[in-house]
């Protein structure tokens, strides 16, 4: 999985409207996405997978615990950011996290 230390983003890419790319060990160079740290650990039970609903092409997600913390804090406070500890991953790692942590609605 790509991590914060393996981000490969040439300076001009963001201004040119190009997507941010990450260099992922298993998947190579891919478009970046963002997940909370809880979606990256190997826990046996699904943590839930809540995606950014405002833009389906902006791949961002966090777990149910992060959603509860966000609602309790009312915003992206410093406490929330520390709890969430957002990490860049490639789109393939994002899809794997989604498959592993998605909890179907009842």
C-alpha atoms as a PDB file:
ATOM      1  CA  UNK A   1       0.000   0.000   0.000  1.00  0.00           C
ATOM      2  CA  UNK A   2       1.131   3.529  -0.662  1.00  0.00           C
ATOM      3  CA  UNK A   3       1.779   5.544   2.445  1.00  0.00           C
ATOM      4  CA  UNK A   4       2.374   9.176   3.296  1.00  0.00           C
ATOM      5  CA  UNK A   5       6.100   8.607   2.764  1.00  0.00           C
ATOM      6  CA  UNK A   6       5.717   7.197  -0.752  1.00  0.00           C
ATOM      7  CA  UNK A   7       3.701   9.985  -2.378  1.00  0.00           C
ATOM      8  CA  UNK A   8       4.919  10.792  -5.880  1.00  0.00           C
ATOM      9  CA  UNK A   9       3.436  14.110  -6.971  1.00  0.00           C
ATOM     10  CA  UNK A  10       5.375  16.358  -9.365  1.00  0.00           C
ATOM     11  CA  UNK A  11       4.816  20.038  -8.413  1.00  0.00           C
ATOM     12  CA  UNK A  12       2.852  21.046 -11.514  1.00  0.00           C
ATOM     13  CA  UNK A  13       0.324  18.216 -11.504  1.00  0.00           C
ATOM     14  CA  UNK A  14      -2.235  19.706  -9.140  1.00  0.00           C
ATOM     15  CA  UNK A  15      -2.302  23.076 -10.889  1.00  0.00           C
ATOM     16  CA  UNK A  16      -2.738  21.423 -14.293  1.00  0.00           C
ATOM     17  CA  UNK A  17      -5.825  19.542 -13.120  1.00  0.00           C
ATOM     18  CA  UNK A  18      -4.017  16.219 -13.283  1.00  0.00           C
ATOM     19  CA  UNK A  19      -4.911  13.695 -10.586  1.00  0.00           C
ATOM     20  CA  UNK A  20      -2.539  13.169  -7.679  1.00  0.00           C
ATOM     21  CA  UNK A  21      -0.608   9.923  -8.141  1.00  0.00           C
ATOM     22  CA  UNK A  22       0.921   7.643  -5.542  1.00  0.00           C
ATOM     23  CA  UNK A  23       3.517   4.945  -5.978  1.00  0.00           C
ATOM     24  CA  UNK A  24       2.046   1.802  -4.445  1.00  0.00           C
ATOM     25  CA  UNK A  25       4.247  -1.236  -3.763  1.00  0.00           C
ATOM     26  CA  UNK A  26       1.723  -3.877  -4.882  1.00  0.00           C
ATOM     27  CA  UNK A  27      -0.059  -1.848  -7.592  1.00  0.00           C
ATOM     28  CA  UNK A  28       2.509   0.585  -9.027  1.00  0.00           C
ATOM     29  CA  UNK A  29       1.689   4.183  -9.903  1.00  0.00           C
ATOM     30  CA  UNK A  30      -2.027   4.837  -9.423  1.00  0.00           C
ATOM     31  CA  UNK A  31      -4.447   7.677  -8.724  1.00  0.00           C
ATOM     32  CA  UNK A  32      -4.466   8.610  -5.042  1.00  0.00           C
ATOM     33  CA  UNK A  33      -7.370   8.280  -2.642  1.00  0.00           C
ATOM     34  CA  UNK A  34      -7.704   8.964   1.087  1.00  0.00           C
ATOM     35  CA  UNK A  35      -8.749   6.638   3.914  1.00  0.00           C
ATOM     36  CA  UNK A  36      -8.611   6.738   7.704  1.00  0.00           C
ATOM     37  CA  UNK A  37      -5.996   4.664   9.500  1.00  0.00           C
ATOM     38  CA  UNK A  38      -8.641   2.256  10.807  1.00  0.00           C
ATOM     39  CA  UNK A  39      -9.353   1.014   7.277  1.00  0.00           C
ATOM     40  CA  UNK A  40      -5.709  -0.002   6.866  1.00  0.00           C
ATOM     41  CA  UNK A  41      -5.305  -2.278   9.866  1.00  0.00           C
ATOM     42  CA  UNK A  42      -5.893  -5.993   9.568  1.00  0.00           C
ATOM     43  CA  UNK A  43      -8.740  -6.288  12.061  1.00  0.00           C
ATOM     44  CA  UNK A  44     -11.011  -9.272  11.556  1.00  0.00           C
ATOM     45  CA  UNK A  45     -14.352  -7.448  11.889  1.00  0.00           C
ATOM     46  CA  UNK A  46     -15.357  -4.880   9.240  1.00  0.00           C
ATOM     47  CA  UNK A  47     -14.937  -1.301  10.496  1.00  0.00           C
ATOM     48  CA  UNK A  48     -17.564   0.150   8.164  1.00  0.00           C
ATOM     49  CA  UNK A  49     -16.821   2.201   5.057  1.00  0.00           C
ATOM     50  CA  UNK A  50     -18.317   5.678   4.734  1.00  0.00           C
ATOM     51  CA  UNK A  51     -17.481   7.438   1.471  1.00  0.00           C
ATOM     52  CA  UNK A  52     -17.423  11.098   0.500  1.00  0.00           C
ATOM     53  CA  UNK A  53     -20.882  11.614  -0.954  1.00  0.00           C
ATOM     54  CA  UNK A  54     -20.410  15.131  -2.334  1.00  0.00           C
ATOM     55  CA  UNK A  55     -18.165  14.034  -5.232  1.00  0.00           C
ATOM     56  CA  UNK A  56     -18.103  10.364  -6.294  1.00  0.00           C
ATOM     57  CA  UNK A  57     -14.830  10.933  -8.187  1.00  0.00           C
ATOM     58  CA  UNK A  58     -13.076  12.253  -5.054  1.00  0.00           C
ATOM     59  CA  UNK A  59     -12.300   8.965  -3.340  1.00  0.00           C
ATOM     60  CA  UNK A  60     -12.255   9.600   0.402  1.00  0.00           C
ATOM     61  CA  UNK A  61     -13.554   7.282   3.101  1.00  0.00           C
ATOM     62  CA  UNK A  62     -13.446   6.651   6.816  1.00  0.00           C
ATOM     63  CA  UNK A  63     -14.810   4.033   9.174  1.00  0.00           C
ATOM     64  CA  UNK A  64     -17.851   4.104  11.456  1.00  0.00           C
ATOM     65  CA  UNK A  65     -15.718   5.088  14.475  1.00  0.00           C
ATOM     66  CA  UNK A  66     -14.414   8.118  12.553  1.00  0.00           C
ATOM     67  CA  UNK A  67     -17.970   9.032  11.517  1.00  0.00           C
ATOM     68  CA  UNK A  68     -19.072   8.910  15.171  1.00  0.00           C
ATOM     69  CA  UNK A  69     -16.075  11.030  16.210  1.00  0.00           C
ATOM     70  CA  UNK A  70     -16.793  13.538  13.421  1.00  0.00           C
ATOM     71  CA  UNK A  71     -20.445  13.844  14.500  1.00  0.00           C
ATOM     72  CA  UNK A  72     -19.450  14.258  18.155  1.00  0.00           C
ATOM     73  CA  UNK A  73     -16.848  16.922  17.312  1.00  0.00           C
ATOM     74  CA  UNK A  74     -19.127  18.657  14.789  1.00  0.00           C
ATOM     75  CA  UNK A  75     -16.231  19.389  12.432  1.00  0.00           C
ATOM     76  CA  UNK A  76     -12.749  18.266  11.410  1.00  0.00           C
ATOM     77  CA  UNK A  77     -11.183  19.344  14.690  1.00  0.00           C
ATOM     78  CA  UNK A  78      -7.594  18.606  15.698  1.00  0.00           C
ATOM     79  CA  UNK A  79      -8.879  15.785  17.920  1.00  0.00           C
ATOM     80  CA  UNK A  80     -10.772  14.307  14.963  1.00  0.00           C
ATOM     81  CA  UNK A  81      -7.764  14.633  12.642  1.00  0.00           C
ATOM     82  CA  UNK A  82      -5.528  12.883  15.183  1.00  0.00           C
ATOM     83  CA  UNK A  83      -8.094  10.076  15.621  1.00  0.00           C
ATOM     84  CA  UNK A  84      -8.685   9.701  11.865  1.00  0.00           C
ATOM     85  CA  UNK A  85      -5.007  10.008  10.808  1.00  0.00           C
ATOM     86  CA  UNK A  86      -5.864  10.202   7.085  1.00  0.00           C
ATOM     87  CA  UNK A  87      -3.529   8.349   4.733  1.00  0.00           C
ATOM     88  CA  UNK A  88      -3.078   8.422   0.966  1.00  0.00           C
ATOM     89  CA  UNK A  89      -3.505   5.066  -0.748  1.00  0.00           C
ATOM     90  CA  UNK A  90      -3.902   4.057  -4.378  1.00  0.00           C
ATOM     91  CA  UNK A  91      -7.342   3.475  -5.895  1.00  0.00           C
ATOM     92  CA  UNK A  92      -6.793  -0.295  -5.915  1.00  0.00           C
ATOM     93  CA  UNK A  93      -5.951  -0.335  -2.187  1.00  0.00           C
ATOM     94  CA  UNK A  94      -9.040   1.875  -1.647  1.00  0.00           C
ATOM     95  CA  UNK A  95     -11.195  -0.710  -3.444  1.00  0.00           C
ATOM     96  CA  UNK A  96      -9.707  -3.516  -1.331  1.00  0.00           C
ATOM     97  CA  UNK A  97     -10.411  -1.581   1.882  1.00  0.00           C
ATOM     98  CA  UNK A  98     -13.972  -0.944   0.698  1.00  0.00           C
ATOM     99  CA  UNK A  99     -14.544  -4.641  -0.024  1.00  0.00           C
ATOM    100  CA  UNK A 100     -13.070  -5.666   3.352  1.00  0.00           C
ATOM    101  CA  UNK A 101     -14.823  -3.063   5.542  1.00  0.00           C
ATOM    102  CA  UNK A 102     -18.189  -2.413   3.834  1.00  0.00           C
ATOM    103  CA  UNK A 103     -21.099  -3.379   6.074  1.00  0.00           C
ATOM    104  CA  UNK A 104     -24.319  -3.969   4.096  1.00  0.00           C
ATOM    105  CA  UNK A 105     -27.400  -2.016   5.205  1.00  0.00           C
ATOM    106  CA  UNK A 106     -30.022  -4.087   7.005  1.00  0.00           C
END
